[in-house]
Each structure stands twice: as C-alpha cells, then as structure tokens.
Amino acid sequence: MLLPQSLRDLIVDELDEFLKALPDDPDAEAVANYVVEVLESWADEAAHDDLLIDLEEEGALDSPLIEALETEMSSNDEFEFTGEEIAVLLERMCEIEWEEDDDEDEDDEEEDDDEDDL
C-alpha cells in the first residue's frame, strides 16, 4: 500500500510524544489504540474513509489492526516502544511503502527553478 511520507512522519512524531508521557514499560494495548487513533485522525483529514480496512487487507491480517499491533508488540520481549520502531512494525505488517508528498515535490521543483535563475 502506498501512503504519503507525511503520514509516516506524523506517526513517528505523535507516538514519540505519546510515549514520553507513559511509564518506562508502556502497555501494548494503549499504544496500539493510540496508533489507530492517529491513523483514523489522518484518514478523516485526508478523506481516506477505509484506511484501516485497506491496511488490514493489504497485510492480510487475521485480526483487526489494533489487535494485530498489540499482539506483535507484546509478544516480542525485545520490542522497543519508539515511534520509529512502531512505524517500522506497521510498515512490515501492512506492507506499506511511503511516497514523497506532492507538496514536497513541488517545493523541490521550485527550489530547483530558483537555483536555475541564479
């Protein structure tokens, strides 16, 4: 599944902030719930109504995404609760590939044009 890089950045940033407020040993269920909240919030803003369903289908998950995330995080004793680790887990589970956002591509083109004018 192809999703914008800005979503990945949002997931990492939001989770890092969320995890800072938790005890040293976070509860996998609470973290999984928060991941889904972040995804749903982004999906609402992006008008991507079926994001969770699409992610579950893309990853061929046997259970809802929230349960699968919780299971993966709690079953691995070496799992590190960081935004980056959770984003990597989500990528792997749901076969996500990230693409640069159109806005960033346009900004890069504008910078290239500005350099050409010099």
PDB file of N, CA and C in Angstrom:
ATOM      1  N   MET A   1       0.849  -1.164   0.000  1.00  0.00           N
ATOM      2  CA  MET A   1       0.000   0.000   0.000  1.00  0.00           C
ATOM      3  C   MET A   1       0.898   1.231   0.000  1.00  0.00           C
ATOM      4  N   LEU A   2       0.581   2.190  -0.811  1.00  0.00           N
ATOM      5  CA  LEU A   2       1.355   3.408  -0.946  1.00  0.00           C
ATOM      6  C   LEU A   2       0.683   4.528  -0.163  1.00  0.00           C
ATOM      7  N   LEU A   3       1.417   5.116   0.786  1.00  0.00           N
ATOM      8  CA  LEU A   3       0.900   6.202   1.620  1.00  0.00           C
ATOM      9  C   LEU A   3       1.929   7.326   1.653  1.00  0.00           C
ATOM     10  N   PRO A   4       1.491   8.542   1.956  1.00  0.00           N
ATOM     11  CA  PRO A   4       2.417   9.678   1.945  1.00  0.00           C
ATOM     12  C   PRO A   4       3.424   9.648   3.096  1.00  0.00           C
ATOM     13  N   GLN A   5       4.617  10.093   2.802  1.00  0.00           N
ATOM     14  CA  GLN A   5       5.687  10.169   3.793  1.00  0.00           C
ATOM     15  C   GLN A   5       5.263  11.029   4.982  1.00  0.00           C
ATOM     16  N   SER A   6       4.431  12.032   4.732  1.00  0.00           N
ATOM     17  CA  SER A   6       3.992  12.904   5.824  1.00  0.00           C
ATOM     18  C   SER A   6       3.207  12.123   6.878  1.00  0.00           C
ATOM     19  N   LEU A   7       2.499  11.071   6.469  1.00  0.00           N
ATOM     20  CA  LEU A   7       1.786  10.232   7.439  1.00  0.00           C
ATOM     21  C   LEU A   7       2.784   9.483   8.310  1.00  0.00           C
ATOM     22  N   ARG A   8       3.826   8.959   7.702  1.00  0.00           N
ATOM     23  CA  ARG A   8       4.848   8.255   8.487  1.00  0.00           C
ATOM     24  C   ARG A   8       5.475   9.207   9.498  1.00  0.00           C
ATOM     25  N   ASP A   9       5.816  10.409   9.036  1.00  0.00           N
ATOM     26  CA  ASP A   9       6.410  11.406   9.925  1.00  0.00           C
ATOM     27  C   ASP A   9       5.462  11.744  11.074  1.00  0.00           C
ATOM     28  N   LEU A  10       4.183  11.861  10.752  1.00  0.00           N
ATOM     29  CA  LEU A  10       3.174  12.153  11.772  1.00  0.00           C
ATOM     30  C   LEU A  10       3.096  11.023  12.798  1.00  0.00           C
ATOM     31  N   ILE A  11       3.082   9.792  12.324  1.00  0.00           N
ATOM     32  CA  ILE A  11       3.013   8.631  13.215  1.00  0.00           C
ATOM     33  C   ILE A  11       4.207   8.632  14.176  1.00  0.00           C
ATOM     34  N   VAL A  12       5.398   8.805  13.638  1.00  0.00           N
ATOM     35  CA  VAL A  12       6.611   8.780  14.467  1.00  0.00           C
ATOM     36  C   VAL A  12       6.569   9.905  15.497  1.00  0.00           C
ATOM     37  N   ASP A  13       6.264  11.121  15.054  1.00  0.00           N
ATOM     38  CA  ASP A  13       6.246  12.275  15.963  1.00  0.00           C
ATOM     39  C   ASP A  13       5.192  12.133  17.047  1.00  0.00           C
ATOM     40  N   GLU A  14       3.974  11.770  16.649  1.00  0.00           N
ATOM     41  CA  GLU A  14       2.877  11.642  17.606  1.00  0.00           C
ATOM     42  C   GLU A  14       3.157  10.538  18.626  1.00  0.00           C
ATOM     43  N   LEU A  15       3.679   9.425  18.155  1.00  0.00           N
ATOM     44  CA  LEU A  15       3.969   8.313  19.063  1.00  0.00           C
ATOM     45  C   LEU A  15       5.115   8.641  20.017  1.00  0.00           C
ATOM     46  N   ASP A  16       6.133   9.321  19.519  1.00  0.00           N
ATOM     47  CA  ASP A  16       7.227   9.705  20.411  1.00  0.00           C
ATOM     48  C   ASP A  16       6.712  10.606  21.531  1.00  0.00           C
ATOM     49  N   GLU A  17       5.852  11.552  21.205  1.00  0.00           N
ATOM     50  CA  GLU A  17       5.269  12.437  22.224  1.00  0.00           C
ATOM     51  C   GLU A  17       4.395  11.648  23.201  1.00  0.00           C
ATOM     52  N   PHE A  18       3.582  10.761  22.663  1.00  0.00           N
ATOM     53  CA  PHE A  18       2.693   9.936  23.485  1.00  0.00           C
ATOM     54  C   PHE A  18       3.498   9.054  24.434  1.00  0.00           C
ATOM     55  N   LEU A  19       4.553   8.440  23.919  1.00  0.00           N
ATOM     56  CA  LEU A  19       5.363   7.517  24.713  1.00  0.00           C
ATOM     57  C   LEU A  19       6.144   8.227  25.818  1.00  0.00           C
ATOM     58  N   LYS A  20       6.496   9.484  25.590  1.00  0.00           N
ATOM     59  CA  LYS A  20       7.203  10.249  26.626  1.00  0.00           C
ATOM     60  C   LYS A  20       6.359  10.391  27.892  1.00  0.00           C
ATOM     61  N   ALA A  21       5.041  10.437  27.703  1.00  0.00           N
ATOM     62  CA  ALA A  21       4.130  10.640  28.834  1.00  0.00           C
ATOM     63  C   ALA A  21       3.804   9.343  29.570  1.00  0.00           C
ATOM     64  N   LEU A  22       4.237   8.216  29.024  1.00  0.00           N
ATOM     65  CA  LEU A  22       3.931   6.915  29.625  1.00  0.00           C
ATOM     66  C   LEU A  22       5.068   6.437  30.514  1.00  0.00           C
ATOM     67  N   PRO A  23       4.764   5.471  31.393  1.00  0.00           N
ATOM     68  CA  PRO A  23       5.835   4.882  32.207  1.00  0.00           C
ATOM     69  C   PRO A  23       6.863   4.167  31.325  1.00  0.00           C
ATOM     70  N   ASP A  24       7.957   3.745  31.937  1.00  0.00           N
ATOM     71  CA  ASP A  24       9.038   3.087  31.188  1.00  0.00           C
ATOM     72  C   ASP A  24       8.584   1.833  30.456  1.00  0.00           C
ATOM     73  N   ASP A  25       7.610   1.148  30.992  1.00  0.00           N
ATOM     74  CA  ASP A  25       7.116  -0.092  30.383  1.00  0.00           C
ATOM     75  C   ASP A  25       5.683   0.135  29.878  1.00  0.00           C
ATOM     76  N   PRO A  26       5.542   0.708  28.662  1.00  0.00           N
ATOM     77  CA  PRO A  26       4.197   1.049  28.178  1.00  0.00           C
ATOM     78  C   PRO A  26       3.334  -0.183  27.937  1.00  0.00           C
ATOM     79  N   ASP A  27       2.050   0.021  28.038  1.00  0.00           N
ATOM     80  CA  ASP A  27       1.071  -1.017  27.792  1.00  0.00           C
ATOM     81  C   ASP A  27       0.826  -1.122  26.287  1.00  0.00           C
ATOM     82  N   ALA A  28       1.039  -2.297  25.723  1.00  0.00           N
ATOM     83  CA  ALA A  28       0.898  -2.505  24.282  1.00  0.00           C
ATOM     84  C   ALA A  28      -0.514  -2.155  23.805  1.00  0.00           C
ATOM     85  N   GLU A  29      -1.512  -2.435  24.617  1.00  0.00           N
ATOM     86  CA  GLU A  29      -2.889  -2.132  24.233  1.00  0.00           C
ATOM     87  C   GLU A  29      -3.094  -0.618  24.087  1.00  0.00           C
ATOM     88  N   ALA A  30      -2.575   0.152  25.030  1.00  0.00           N
ATOM     89  CA  ALA A  30      -2.715   1.610  24.973  1.00  0.00           C
ATOM     90  C   ALA A  30      -1.986   2.178  23.758  1.00  0.00           C
ATOM     91  N   VAL A  31      -0.809   1.643  23.472  1.00  0.00           N
ATOM     92  CA  VAL A  31      -0.036   2.121  22.330  1.00  0.00           C
ATOM     93  C   VAL A  31      -0.746   1.764  21.024  1.00  0.00           C
ATOM     94  N   ALA A  32      -1.248   0.556  20.914  1.00  0.00           N
ATOM     95  CA  ALA A  32      -1.974   0.141  19.715  1.00  0.00           C
ATOM     96  C   ALA A  32      -3.215   1.007  19.504  1.00  0.00           C
ATOM     97  N   ASN A  33      -3.920   1.300  20.588  1.00  0.00           N
ATOM     98  CA  ASN A  33      -5.086   2.182  20.492  1.00  0.00           C
ATOM     99  C   ASN A  33      -4.686   3.560  19.968  1.00  0.00           C
ATOM    100  N   TYR A  34      -3.565   4.074  20.454  1.00  0.00           N
ATOM    101  CA  TYR A  34      -3.120   5.398  20.025  1.00  0.00           C
ATOM    102  C   TYR A  34      -2.705   5.394  18.555  1.00  0.00           C
ATOM    103  N   VAL A  35      -2.034   4.346  18.114  1.00  0.00           N
ATOM    104  CA  VAL A  35      -1.660   4.230  16.697  1.00  0.00           C
ATOM    105  C   VAL A  35      -2.909   4.307  15.826  1.00  0.00           C
ATOM    106  N   VAL A  36      -3.931   3.567  16.203  1.00  0.00           N
ATOM    107  CA  VAL A  36      -5.170   3.557  15.430  1.00  0.00           C
ATOM    108  C   VAL A  36      -5.841   4.943  15.459  1.00  0.00           C
ATOM    109  N   GLU A  37      -5.789   5.621  16.612  1.00  0.00           N
ATOM    110  CA  GLU A  37      -6.338   6.980  16.702  1.00  0.00           C
ATOM    111  C   GLU A  37      -5.630   7.923  15.733  1.00  0.00           C
ATOM    112  N   VAL A  38      -4.311   7.848  15.688  1.00  0.00           N
ATOM    113  CA  VAL A  38      -3.538   8.699  14.783  1.00  0.00           C
ATOM    114  C   VAL A  38      -3.901   8.389  13.329  1.00  0.00           C
ATOM    115  N   LEU A  39      -3.990   7.112  12.996  1.00  0.00           N
ATOM    116  CA  LEU A  39      -4.358   6.716  11.635  1.00  0.00           C
ATOM    117  C   LEU A  39      -5.761   7.193  11.272  1.00  0.00           C
ATOM    118  N   GLU A  40      -6.711   7.018  12.190  1.00  0.00           N
ATOM    119  CA  GLU A  40      -8.083   7.444  11.923  1.00  0.00           C
ATOM    120  C   GLU A  40      -8.176   8.955  11.774  1.00  0.00           C
ATOM    121  N   SER A  41      -7.457   9.680  12.589  1.00  0.00           N
ATOM    122  CA  SER A  41      -7.451  11.138  12.511  1.00  0.00           C
ATOM    123  C   SER A  41      -6.915  11.598  11.155  1.00  0.00           C
ATOM    124  N   TRP A  42      -5.800  11.003  10.732  1.00  0.00           N
ATOM    125  CA  TRP A  42      -5.231  11.353   9.436  1.00  0.00           C
ATOM    126  C   TRP A  42      -6.200  10.982   8.313  1.00  0.00           C
ATOM    127  N   ALA A  43      -6.799   9.810   8.417  1.00  0.00           N
ATOM    128  CA  ALA A  43      -7.723   9.347   7.381  1.00  0.00           C
ATOM    129  C   ALA A  43      -8.919  10.285   7.251  1.00  0.00           C
ATOM    130  N   ASP A  44      -9.421  10.788   8.376  1.00  0.00           N
ATOM    131  CA  ASP A  44     -10.538  11.735   8.332  1.00  0.00           C
ATOM    132  C   ASP A  44     -10.139  13.004   7.592  1.00  0.00           C
ATOM    133  N   GLU A  45      -8.961  13.528   7.903  1.00  0.00           N
ATOM    134  CA  GLU A  45      -8.494  14.752   7.251  1.00  0.00           C
ATOM    135  C   GLU A  45      -8.210  14.538   5.769  1.00  0.00           C
ATOM    136  N   ALA A  46      -7.717  13.358   5.429  1.00  0.00           N
ATOM    137  CA  ALA A  46      -7.342  13.062   4.045  1.00  0.00           C
ATOM    138  C   ALA A  46      -8.502  12.477   3.237  1.00  0.00           C
ATOM    139  N   ALA A  47      -9.663  12.330   3.869  1.00  0.00           N
ATOM    140  CA  ALA A  47     -10.846  11.742   3.221  1.00  0.00           C
ATOM    141  C   ALA A  47     -10.537  10.336   2.685  1.00  0.00           C
ATOM    142  N   HIS A  48      -9.824   9.578   3.466  1.00  0.00           N
ATOM    143  CA  HIS A  48      -9.498   8.182   3.133  1.00  0.00           C
ATOM    144  C   HIS A  48     -10.325   7.311   4.077  1.00  0.00           C
ATOM    145  N   ASP A  49     -11.598   7.140   3.722  1.00  0.00           N
ATOM    146  CA  ASP A  49     -12.581   6.529   4.613  1.00  0.00           C
ATOM    147  C   ASP A  49     -12.248   5.118   5.073  1.00  0.00           C
ATOM    148  N   ASP A  50     -11.631   4.333   4.240  1.00  0.00           N
ATOM    149  CA  ASP A  50     -11.420   2.922   4.548  1.00  0.00           C
ATOM    150  C   ASP A  50      -9.962   2.589   4.852  1.00  0.00           C
ATOM    151  N   LEU A  51      -9.219   3.528   5.419  1.00  0.00           N
ATOM    152  CA  LEU A  51      -7.794   3.314   5.631  1.00  0.00           C
ATOM    153  C   LEU A  51      -7.504   2.065   6.459  1.00  0.00           C
ATOM    154  N   LEU A  52      -8.166   1.912   7.600  1.00  0.00           N
ATOM    155  CA  LEU A  52      -7.891   0.750   8.451  1.00  0.00           C
ATOM    156  C   LEU A  52      -8.238  -0.556   7.746  1.00  0.00           C
ATOM    157  N   ILE A  53      -9.352  -0.577   7.062  1.00  0.00           N
ATOM    158  CA  ILE A  53      -9.751  -1.779   6.315  1.00  0.00           C
ATOM    159  C   ILE A  53      -8.725  -2.079   5.227  1.00  0.00           C
ATOM    160  N   ASP A  54      -8.295  -1.032   4.520  1.00  0.00           N
ATOM    161  CA  ASP A  54      -7.303  -1.207   3.461  1.00  0.00           C
ATOM    162  C   ASP A  54      -5.990  -1.752   4.023  1.00  0.00           C
ATOM    163  N   LEU A  55      -5.566  -1.225   5.165  1.00  0.00           N
ATOM    164  CA  LEU A  55      -4.323  -1.698   5.788  1.00  0.00           C
ATOM    165  C   LEU A  55      -4.447  -3.158   6.213  1.00  0.00           C
ATOM    166  N   GLU A  56      -5.586  -3.521   6.778  1.00  0.00           N
ATOM    167  CA  GLU A  56      -5.804  -4.902   7.209  1.00  0.00           C
ATOM    168  C   GLU A  56      -5.806  -5.849   6.016  1.00  0.00           C
ATOM    169  N   GLU A  57      -6.444  -5.436   4.922  1.00  0.00           N
ATOM    170  CA  GLU A  57      -6.491  -6.277   3.728  1.00  0.00           C
ATOM    171  C   GLU A  57      -5.122  -6.379   3.070  1.00  0.00           C
ATOM    172  N   GLU A  58      -4.412  -5.257   2.995  1.00  0.00           N
ATOM    173  CA  GLU A  58      -3.089  -5.250   2.371  1.00  0.00           C
ATOM    174  C   GLU A  58      -2.125  -6.170   3.110  1.00  0.00           C
ATOM    175  N   GLY A  59      -2.205  -6.168   4.431  1.00  0.00           N
ATOM    176  CA  GLY A  59      -1.333  -7.018   5.235  1.00  0.00           C
ATOM    177  C   GLY A  59      -1.870  -8.414   5.437  1.00  0.00           C
ATOM    178  N   ALA A  60      -3.049  -8.689   4.889  1.00  0.00           N
ATOM    179  CA  ALA A  60      -3.701  -9.992   5.054  1.00  0.00           C
ATOM    180  C   ALA A  60      -3.732 -10.389   6.530  1.00  0.00           C
ATOM    181  N   LEU A  61      -4.124  -9.427   7.369  1.00  0.00           N
ATOM    182  CA  LEU A  61      -4.162  -9.674   8.810  1.00  0.00           C
ATOM    183  C   LEU A  61      -5.328 -10.579   9.174  1.00  0.00           C
ATOM    184  N   ASP A  62      -5.099 -11.462  10.125  1.00  0.00           N
ATOM    185  CA  ASP A  62      -6.135 -12.384  10.575  1.00  0.00           C
ATOM    186  C   ASP A  62      -7.056 -11.756  11.610  1.00  0.00           C
ATOM    187  N   SER A  63      -6.651 -10.605  12.139  1.00  0.00           N
ATOM    188  CA  SER A  63      -7.443  -9.917  13.154  1.00  0.00           C
ATOM    189  C   SER A  63      -7.425  -8.423  12.840  1.00  0.00           C
ATOM    190  N   PRO A  64      -8.275  -7.657  13.496  1.00  0.00           N
ATOM    191  CA  PRO A  64      -8.249  -6.202  13.272  1.00  0.00           C
ATOM    192  C   PRO A  64      -6.856  -5.637  13.555  1.00  0.00           C
ATOM    193  N   LEU A  65      -6.522  -4.557  12.888  1.00  0.00           N
ATOM    194  CA  LEU A  65      -5.204  -3.957  13.001  1.00  0.00           C
ATOM    195  C   LEU A  65      -4.826  -3.689  14.450  1.00  0.00           C
ATOM    196  N   ILE A  66      -5.744  -3.169  15.221  1.00  0.00           N
ATOM    197  CA  ILE A  66      -5.448  -2.834  16.613  1.00  0.00           C
ATOM    198  C   ILE A  66      -5.018  -4.071  17.404  1.00  0.00           C
ATOM    199  N   GLU A  67      -5.694  -5.184  17.185  1.00  0.00           N
ATOM    200  CA  GLU A  67      -5.336  -6.428  17.881  1.00  0.00           C
ATOM    201  C   GLU A  67      -4.007  -6.976  17.379  1.00  0.00           C
ATOM    202  N   ALA A  68      -3.792  -6.912  16.076  1.00  0.00           N
ATOM    203  CA  ALA A  68      -2.549  -7.417  15.499  1.00  0.00           C
ATOM    204  C   ALA A  68      -1.348  -6.612  15.998  1.00  0.00           C
ATOM    205  N   LEU A  69      -1.491  -5.294  16.074  1.00  0.00           N
ATOM    206  CA  LEU A  69      -0.413  -4.453  16.599  1.00  0.00           C
ATOM    207  C   LEU A  69      -0.104  -4.790  18.049  1.00  0.00           C
ATOM    208  N   GLU A  70      -1.156  -4.888  18.843  1.00  0.00           N
ATOM    209  CA  GLU A  70      -0.981  -5.206  20.261  1.00  0.00           C
ATOM    210  C   GLU A  70      -0.263  -6.544  20.434  1.00  0.00           C
ATOM    211  N   THR A  71      -0.689  -7.535  19.681  1.00  0.00           N
ATOM    212  CA  THR A  71      -0.076  -8.862  19.764  1.00  0.00           C
ATOM    213  C   THR A  71       1.392  -8.815  19.371  1.00  0.00           C
ATOM    214  N   GLU A  72       1.686  -8.141  18.282  1.00  0.00           N
ATOM    215  CA  GLU A  72       3.083  -8.054  17.816  1.00  0.00           C
ATOM    216  C   GLU A  72       3.965  -7.345  18.829  1.00  0.00           C
ATOM    217  N   MET A  73       3.473  -6.263  19.410  1.00  0.00           N
ATOM    218  CA  MET A  73       4.283  -5.511  20.371  1.00  0.00           C
ATOM    219  C   MET A  73       4.474  -6.273  21.678  1.00  0.00           C
ATOM    220  N   SER A  74       3.420  -6.926  22.146  1.00  0.00           N
ATOM    221  CA  SER A  74       3.516  -7.598  23.447  1.00  0.00           C
ATOM    222  C   SER A  74       4.192  -8.965  23.368  1.00  0.00           C
ATOM    223  N   SER A  75       4.229  -9.579  22.197  1.00  0.00           N
ATOM    224  CA  SER A  75       4.817 -10.914  22.085  1.00  0.00           C
ATOM    225  C   SER A  75       6.330 -10.879  21.861  1.00  0.00           C
ATOM    226  N   ASN A  76       6.886  -9.708  21.603  1.00  0.00           N
ATOM    227  CA  ASN A  76       8.319  -9.582  21.351  1.00  0.00           C
ATOM    228  C   ASN A  76       8.963  -8.876  22.543  1.00  0.00           C
ATOM    229  N   ASP A  77       9.697  -9.628  23.345  1.00  0.00           N
ATOM    230  CA  ASP A  77      10.331  -9.070  24.541  1.00  0.00           C
ATOM    231  C   ASP A  77      11.359  -7.992  24.209  1.00  0.00           C
ATOM    232  N   GLU A  78      11.910  -8.028  23.021  1.00  0.00           N
ATOM    233  CA  GLU A  78      12.939  -7.072  22.637  1.00  0.00           C
ATOM    234  C   GLU A  78      12.378  -5.865  21.891  1.00  0.00           C
ATOM    235  N   PHE A  79      11.064  -5.793  21.739  1.00  0.00           N
ATOM    236  CA  PHE A  79      10.455  -4.672  21.023  1.00  0.00           C
ATOM    237  C   PHE A  79      10.689  -3.375  21.793  1.00  0.00           C
ATOM    238  N   GLU A  80      11.160  -2.349  21.089  1.00  0.00           N
ATOM    239  CA  GLU A  80      11.374  -1.042  21.699  1.00  0.00           C
ATOM    240  C   GLU A  80      10.204  -0.135  21.359  1.00  0.00           C
ATOM    241  N   PHE A  81       9.605   0.433  22.367  1.00  0.00           N
ATOM    242  CA  PHE A  81       8.469   1.319  22.163  1.00  0.00           C
ATOM    243  C   PHE A  81       8.970   2.714  21.803  1.00  0.00           C
ATOM    244  N   THR A  82       9.223   2.903  20.509  1.00  0.00           N
ATOM    245  CA  THR A  82       9.569   4.213  19.966  1.00  0.00           C
ATOM    246  C   THR A  82       8.695   4.440  18.739  1.00  0.00           C
ATOM    247  N   GLY A  83       8.531   5.691  18.380  1.00  0.00           N
ATOM    248  CA  GLY A  83       7.739   5.995  17.194  1.00  0.00           C
ATOM    249  C   GLY A  83       8.299   5.318  15.956  1.00  0.00           C
ATOM    250  N   GLU A  84       9.617   5.327  15.829  1.00  0.00           N
ATOM    251  CA  GLU A  84      10.269   4.716  14.667  1.00  0.00           C
ATOM    252  C   GLU A  84      10.031   3.208  14.622  1.00  0.00           C
ATOM    253  N   GLU A  85      10.212   2.525  15.746  1.00  0.00           N
ATOM    254  CA  GLU A  85      10.017   1.069  15.784  1.00  0.00           C
ATOM    255  C   GLU A  85       8.563   0.701  15.461  1.00  0.00           C
ATOM    256  N   ILE A  86       7.641   1.467  15.963  1.00  0.00           N
ATOM    257  CA  ILE A  86       6.225   1.185  15.705  1.00  0.00           C
ATOM    258  C   ILE A  86       5.894   1.447  14.243  1.00  0.00           C
ATOM    259  N   ALA A  87       6.463   2.510  13.665  1.00  0.00           N
ATOM    260  CA  ALA A  87       6.242   2.785  12.240  1.00  0.00           C
ATOM    261  C   ALA A  87       6.790   1.647  11.382  1.00  0.00           C
ATOM    262  N   VAL A  88       7.968   1.129  11.739  1.00  0.00           N
ATOM    263  CA  VAL A  88       8.570   0.008  11.008  1.00  0.00           C
ATOM    264  C   VAL A  88       7.683  -1.235  11.137  1.00  0.00           C
ATOM    265  N   LEU A  89       7.176  -1.479  12.322  1.00  0.00           N
ATOM    266  CA  LEU A  89       6.277  -2.619  12.541  1.00  0.00           C
ATOM    267  C   LEU A  89       5.027  -2.478  11.682  1.00  0.00           C
ATOM    268  N   LEU A  90       4.448  -1.307  11.663  1.00  0.00           N
ATOM    269  CA  LEU A  90       3.253  -1.046  10.855  1.00  0.00           C
ATOM    270  C   LEU A  90       3.547  -1.246   9.372  1.00  0.00           C
ATOM    271  N   GLU A  91       4.691  -0.757   8.922  1.00  0.00           N
ATOM    272  CA  GLU A  91       5.105  -0.940   7.525  1.00  0.00           C
ATOM    273  C   GLU A  91       5.170  -2.416   7.167  1.00  0.00           C
ATOM    274  N   ARG A  92       5.825  -3.171   8.033  1.00  0.00           N
ATOM    275  CA  ARG A  92       6.017  -4.602   7.772  1.00  0.00           C
ATOM    276  C   ARG A  92       4.689  -5.347   7.783  1.00  0.00           C
ATOM    277  N   MET A  93       3.865  -5.074   8.781  1.00  0.00           N
ATOM    278  CA  MET A  93       2.601  -5.795   8.928  1.00  0.00           C
ATOM    279  C   MET A  93       1.627  -5.513   7.788  1.00  0.00           C
ATOM    280  N   CYS A  94       1.599  -4.264   7.335  1.00  0.00           N
ATOM    281  CA  CYS A  94       0.596  -3.845   6.346  1.00  0.00           C
ATOM    282  C   CYS A  94       1.182  -3.586   4.968  1.00  0.00           C
ATOM    283  N   GLU A  95       2.444  -3.963   4.789  1.00  0.00           N
ATOM    284  CA  GLU A  95       3.123  -3.805   3.506  1.00  0.00           C
ATOM    285  C   GLU A  95       2.982  -2.385   2.966  1.00  0.00           C
ATOM    286  N   ILE A  96       3.358  -1.426   3.795  1.00  0.00           N
ATOM    287  CA  ILE A  96       3.258  -0.014   3.430  1.00  0.00           C
ATOM    288  C   ILE A  96       4.559   0.446   2.793  1.00  0.00           C
ATOM    289  N   GLU A  97       4.415   1.205   1.724  1.00  0.00           N
ATOM    290  CA  GLU A  97       5.533   1.919   1.116  1.00  0.00           C
ATOM    291  C   GLU A  97       5.174   3.397   1.186  1.00  0.00           C
ATOM    292  N   TRP A  98       6.174   4.225   1.435  1.00  0.00           N
ATOM    293  CA  TRP A  98       5.943   5.659   1.613  1.00  0.00           C
ATOM    294  C   TRP A  98       6.379   6.401   0.363  1.00  0.00           C
ATOM    295  N   GLU A  99       5.558   7.353  -0.046  1.00  0.00           N
ATOM    296  CA  GLU A  99       5.900   8.191  -1.192  1.00  0.00           C
ATOM    297  C   GLU A  99       6.002   9.640  -0.736  1.00  0.00           C
ATOM    298  N   GLU A 100       6.877  10.374  -1.382  1.00  0.00           N
ATOM    299  CA  GLU A 100       7.004  11.794  -1.063  1.00  0.00           C
ATOM    300  C   GLU A 100       5.675  12.471  -1.379  1.00  0.00           C
ATOM    301  N   ASP A 101       5.309  13.416  -0.545  1.00  0.00           N
ATOM    302  CA  ASP A 101       4.068  14.148  -0.751  1.00  0.00           C
ATOM    303  C   ASP A 101       4.198  15.061  -1.961  1.00  0.00           C
ATOM    304  N   ASP A 102       3.074  15.333  -2.627  1.00  0.00           N
ATOM    305  CA  ASP A 102       3.076  16.226  -3.784  1.00  0.00           C
ATOM    306  C   ASP A 102       3.589  17.604  -3.411  1.00  0.00           C
ATOM    307  N   ASP A 103       3.232  18.097  -2.226  1.00  0.00           N
ATOM    308  CA  ASP A 103       3.670  19.417  -1.782  1.00  0.00           C
ATOM    309  C   ASP A 103       5.186  19.479  -1.704  1.00  0.00           C
ATOM    310  N   GLU A 104       5.818  18.414  -1.189  1.00  0.00           N
ATOM    311  CA  GLU A 104       7.264  18.387  -1.078  1.00  0.00           C
ATOM    312  C   GLU A 104       7.906  18.346  -2.454  1.00  0.00           C
ATOM    313  N   ASP A 105       7.310  17.580  -3.396  1.00  0.00           N
ATOM    314  CA  ASP A 105       7.831  17.523  -4.751  1.00  0.00           C
ATOM    315  C   ASP A 105       7.770  18.896  -5.400  1.00  0.00           C
ATOM    316  N   GLU A 106       6.663  19.611  -5.190  1.00  0.00           N
ATOM    317  CA  GLU A 106       6.511  20.945  -5.757  1.00  0.00           C
ATOM    318  C   GLU A 106       7.523  21.899  -5.147  1.00  0.00           C
ATOM    319  N   ASP A 107       7.760  21.794  -3.842  1.00  0.00           N
ATOM    320  CA  ASP A 107       8.750  22.640  -3.179  1.00  0.00           C
ATOM    321  C   ASP A 107      10.142  22.378  -3.747  1.00  0.00           C
ATOM    322  N   ASP A 108      10.479  21.109  -3.978  1.00  0.00           N
ATOM    323  CA  ASP A 108      11.771  20.762  -4.545  1.00  0.00           C
ATOM    324  C   ASP A 108      11.926  21.342  -5.944  1.00  0.00           C
ATOM    325  N   GLU A 109      10.851  21.278  -6.747  1.00  0.00           N
ATOM    326  CA  GLU A 109      10.895  21.822  -8.098  1.00  0.00           C
ATOM    327  C   GLU A 109      11.073  23.328  -8.054  1.00  0.00           C
ATOM    328  N   GLU A 110      10.398  24.008  -7.137  1.00  0.00           N
ATOM    329  CA  GLU A 110      10.528  25.452  -7.012  1.00  0.00           C
ATOM    330  C   GLU A 110      11.954  25.818  -6.627  1.00  0.00           C
ATOM    331  N   GLU A 111      12.569  25.059  -5.713  1.00  0.00           N
ATOM    332  CA  GLU A 111      13.947  25.312  -5.319  1.00  0.00           C
ATOM    333  C   GLU A 111      14.874  25.120  -6.515  1.00  0.00           C
ATOM    334  N   ASP A 112      14.635  24.076  -7.314  1.00  0.00           N
ATOM    335  CA  ASP A 112      15.455  23.842  -8.497  1.00  0.00           C
ATOM    336  C   ASP A 112      15.320  24.997  -9.476  1.00  0.00           C
ATOM    337  N   ASP A 113      14.087  25.499  -9.666  1.00  0.00           N
ATOM    338  CA  ASP A 113      13.851  26.622 -10.564  1.00  0.00           C
ATOM    339  C   ASP A 113      14.576  27.861 -10.057  1.00  0.00           C
ATOM    340  N   ASP A 114      14.533  28.102  -8.757  1.00  0.00           N
ATOM    341  CA  ASP A 114      15.207  29.251  -8.173  1.00  0.00           C
ATOM    342  C   ASP A 114      16.711  29.177  -8.390  1.00  0.00           C
ATOM    343  N   GLU A 115      17.278  27.984  -8.252  1.00  0.00           N
ATOM    344  CA  GLU A 115      18.711  27.798  -8.460  1.00  0.00           C
ATOM    345  C   GLU A 115      19.078  28.044  -9.919  1.00  0.00           C
ATOM    346  N   ASP A 116      18.181  27.630 -10.850  1.00  0.00           N
ATOM    347  CA  ASP A 116      18.447  27.834 -12.265  1.00  0.00           C
ATOM    348  C   ASP A 116      18.471  29.317 -12.614  1.00  0.00           C
ATOM    349  N   ASP A 117      17.692  30.108 -11.892  1.00  0.00           N
ATOM    350  CA  ASP A 117      17.612  31.543 -12.171  1.00  0.00           C
ATOM    351  C   ASP A 117      18.876  32.278 -11.736  1.00  0.00           C
ATOM    352  N   LEU A 118      19.683  31.656 -10.885  1.00  0.00           N
ATOM    353  CA  LEU A 118      20.895  32.323 -10.382  1.00  0.00           C
ATOM    354  C   LEU A 118      21.976  32.358 -11.386  1.00  0.00           C
TER     355      LEU A 118
END
